Amino acid sequence: MTLTTHAIVGAAAAQIFPSQPWLAFFAGFISHFIIDTIPHRDYSLSSLTESADDPLAADMAINKNSIKDFLKVGFDASLGIVLASFIFTNFYESTLLLAIIGAVGGIVPDGLQFAYWKMRIEPLKSLQRFHIWIQRHSPLNVPWLTSLSHQALIIAVILSLI
């Protein structure tokens, strides 16, 4: 799932708690795992190594490919936060702060994966195990067009429910 989708859905989830920022953030955070159960495709990161035998052994190297990967992830996250902010402040009666809190909450679980790859400590280890578990029945190699269609549909459904 792209971070853009996670940000928009996270901002939508935050709307449930307009006057409680911590709950709004938590709603965005939880939304990440809920939509990760839907079949999708993640874009590749050149500096990421994964093991089919041990998903917890994945790591992201800091090397010459990392800059390209960080730019790709940074663009995706930034696009998500900007779109979520635009959508919720212009078409829904949301504050900019609430939209950003929810969007960041929706993105943070993937950022915590990077923290896990570098530190491998609790509670990051348990969170990574849960993140892997939540996606285990959700194919991550669906065709790009299918994945983008699923994500567009998720966004459309969520926005129509608000």
Protein backbone atom coordinates (compact mmCIF):
# COMPACT_ATOMS: atom_id res chain seq x y z
CA MET A 1 0.00 0.00 0.00
CA THR A 2 1.41 3.40 -0.83
CA LEU A 3 1.99 5.91 1.93
CA THR A 4 -0.28 8.29 0.04
CA THR A 5 -3.19 5.89 0.53
CA HIS A 6 -2.26 5.32 4.18
CA ALA A 7 -2.13 9.09 4.76
CA ILE A 8 -5.54 9.80 3.22
CA VAL A 9 -7.21 6.91 5.05
CA GLY A 10 -5.43 7.89 8.28
CA ALA A 11 -6.69 11.47 7.95
CA ALA A 12 -10.19 10.12 7.36
CA ALA A 13 -9.98 7.94 10.47
CA ALA A 14 -8.82 10.94 12.51
CA GLN A 15 -12.08 12.73 11.71
CA ILE A 16 -13.81 10.45 14.23
CA PHE A 17 -11.97 12.26 17.04
CA PRO A 18 -11.86 15.95 16.03
CA SER A 19 -11.15 17.26 19.53
CA GLN A 20 -8.87 14.46 20.77
CA PRO A 21 -5.52 14.57 18.93
CA TRP A 22 -4.05 11.43 20.53
CA LEU A 23 -7.11 9.37 19.64
CA ALA A 24 -7.07 10.89 16.14
CA PHE A 25 -3.44 9.82 15.73
CA PHE A 26 -4.24 6.34 17.07
CA ALA A 27 -7.19 6.02 14.65
CA GLY A 28 -4.85 6.86 11.77
CA PHE A 29 -2.29 4.39 13.12
CA ILE A 30 -4.85 1.56 13.38
CA SER A 31 -6.22 2.35 9.91
CA HIS A 32 -2.79 1.44 8.50
CA PHE A 33 -3.11 -2.17 9.60
CA ILE A 34 -6.75 -2.46 8.57
CA ILE A 35 -6.11 -1.47 4.97
CA ASP A 36 -2.90 -3.51 4.83
CA THR A 37 -5.16 -6.58 4.92
CA ILE A 38 -6.33 -5.71 1.39
CA PRO A 39 -4.29 -7.27 -1.45
CA HIS A 40 -1.82 -4.73 -2.77
CA ARG A 41 1.66 -4.28 -4.14
CA ASP A 42 4.44 -2.37 -2.44
CA TYR A 43 6.93 -0.51 -4.61
CA SER A 44 10.43 -1.88 -4.54
CA LEU A 45 13.23 -0.37 -2.53
CA SER A 46 16.71 -1.08 -3.89
CA SER A 47 18.35 -1.08 -0.48
CA LEU A 48 15.82 -3.46 1.10
CA THR A 49 16.75 -7.13 1.52
CA GLU A 50 14.08 -9.63 2.47
CA SER A 51 14.14 -13.30 3.35
CA ALA A 52 11.30 -15.62 2.35
CA ASP A 53 12.39 -17.99 5.12
CA ASP A 54 12.41 -15.37 7.87
CA PRO A 55 10.39 -12.20 7.28
CA LEU A 56 11.80 -10.73 10.52
CA ALA A 57 15.29 -10.86 8.99
CA ALA A 58 14.50 -8.10 6.47
CA ASP A 59 16.82 -5.10 6.53
CA MET A 60 17.34 -1.86 4.68
CA ALA A 61 20.96 -1.10 4.04
CA ILE A 62 22.31 2.41 4.22
CA ASN A 63 24.23 2.64 0.95
CA LYS A 64 24.27 4.48 -2.38
CA ASN A 65 20.78 3.13 -3.22
CA SER A 66 19.38 4.49 0.04
CA ILE A 67 19.18 8.07 -1.20
CA LYS A 68 16.93 7.06 -4.10
CA ASP A 69 14.80 4.94 -1.74
CA PHE A 70 14.49 7.71 0.86
CA LEU A 71 13.49 10.17 -1.87
CA LYS A 72 10.88 7.74 -3.20
CA VAL A 73 9.43 7.11 0.27
CA GLY A 74 9.69 10.81 1.19
CA PHE A 75 7.83 11.86 -1.96
CA ASP A 76 5.11 9.28 -1.33
CA ALA A 77 4.67 10.34 2.32
CA SER A 78 4.73 14.05 1.43
CA LEU A 79 2.20 13.59 -1.36
CA GLY A 80 -0.07 11.75 1.05
CA ILE A 81 0.13 14.43 3.73
CA VAL A 82 -0.43 17.24 1.19
CA LEU A 83 -3.39 15.47 -0.46
CA ALA A 84 -4.95 14.52 2.88
CA SER A 85 -4.55 18.10 4.11
CA PHE A 86 -6.07 19.50 0.92
CA ILE A 87 -8.99 17.06 0.83
CA PHE A 88 -9.97 17.36 4.48
CA THR A 89 -9.57 21.11 4.87
CA ASN A 90 -11.34 21.96 1.59
CA PHE A 91 -14.07 19.33 1.22
CA TYR A 92 -14.69 18.27 4.81
CA GLU A 93 -14.91 20.53 7.82
CA SER A 94 -11.57 19.49 9.22
CA THR A 95 -8.71 21.47 10.61
CA LEU A 96 -5.31 21.25 8.98
CA LEU A 97 -3.83 19.96 12.22
CA LEU A 98 -6.35 17.11 12.50
CA ALA A 99 -5.75 16.06 8.88
CA ILE A 100 -1.98 16.05 9.41
CA ILE A 101 -2.23 14.16 12.72
CA GLY A 102 -4.31 11.42 11.08
CA ALA A 103 -2.15 11.29 7.96
CA VAL A 104 1.03 10.95 10.00
CA GLY A 105 -0.64 8.30 12.15
CA GLY A 106 -1.46 6.36 8.99
CA ILE A 107 2.14 6.53 7.78
CA VAL A 108 4.04 5.91 11.03
CA PRO A 109 3.75 2.08 11.06
CA ASP A 110 5.87 1.83 7.90
CA GLY A 111 8.40 4.25 9.39
CA LEU A 112 8.59 2.05 12.46
CA GLN A 113 9.56 -0.84 10.18
CA PHE A 114 12.73 1.06 9.32
CA ALA A 115 13.35 1.66 13.02
CA TYR A 116 12.92 -2.09 13.62
CA TRP A 117 15.39 -2.96 10.84
CA LYS A 118 18.00 -0.77 12.51
CA MET A 119 17.37 -1.51 16.20
CA ARG A 120 15.46 -4.82 16.55
CA ILE A 121 14.24 -4.05 20.05
CA GLU A 122 10.87 -4.29 21.78
CA PRO A 123 8.24 -3.00 21.19
CA LEU A 124 9.42 -2.61 17.57
CA LYS A 125 9.99 -6.35 17.27
CA SER A 126 6.42 -7.18 18.31
CA LEU A 127 5.01 -4.45 16.08
CA GLN A 128 7.00 -5.78 13.10
CA ARG A 129 5.78 -9.31 13.82
CA PHE A 130 2.18 -7.98 13.89
CA HIS A 131 2.73 -5.97 10.70
CA ILE A 132 3.94 -9.10 8.92
CA TRP A 133 1.10 -11.18 10.38
CA ILE A 134 -1.59 -8.70 9.31
CA GLN A 135 -0.41 -8.91 5.70
CA ARG A 136 0.17 -12.67 5.57
CA HIS A 137 -3.18 -13.41 3.88
CA SER A 138 -2.96 -10.35 1.67
CA PRO A 139 -0.94 -11.01 -1.48
CA LEU A 140 1.70 -8.32 -1.89
CA ASN A 141 2.49 -9.11 -5.50
CA VAL A 142 -0.78 -8.27 -7.23
CA PRO A 143 -0.39 -6.46 -10.58
CA TRP A 144 0.22 -2.71 -10.29
CA LEU A 145 -3.02 -1.79 -12.03
CA THR A 146 -5.00 -4.00 -9.65
CA SER A 147 -3.15 -2.58 -6.64
CA LEU A 148 -3.73 1.02 -7.68
CA SER A 149 -7.37 0.24 -8.44
CA HIS A 150 -7.80 -1.27 -4.96
CA GLN A 151 -6.19 1.78 -3.40
CA ALA A 152 -8.31 4.23 -5.39
CA LEU A 153 -11.41 2.27 -4.43
CA ILE A 154 -10.40 2.26 -0.75
CA ILE A 155 -9.95 6.04 -0.84
CA ALA A 156 -13.25 6.58 -2.66
CA VAL A 157 -15.19 4.37 -0.26
CA ILE A 158 -13.63 5.96 2.83
CA LEU A 159 -14.25 9.50 1.56
CA SER A 160 -17.85 8.66 0.67
CA LEU A 161 -18.48 7.28 4.17
CA ILE A 162 -17.38 10.46 5.94
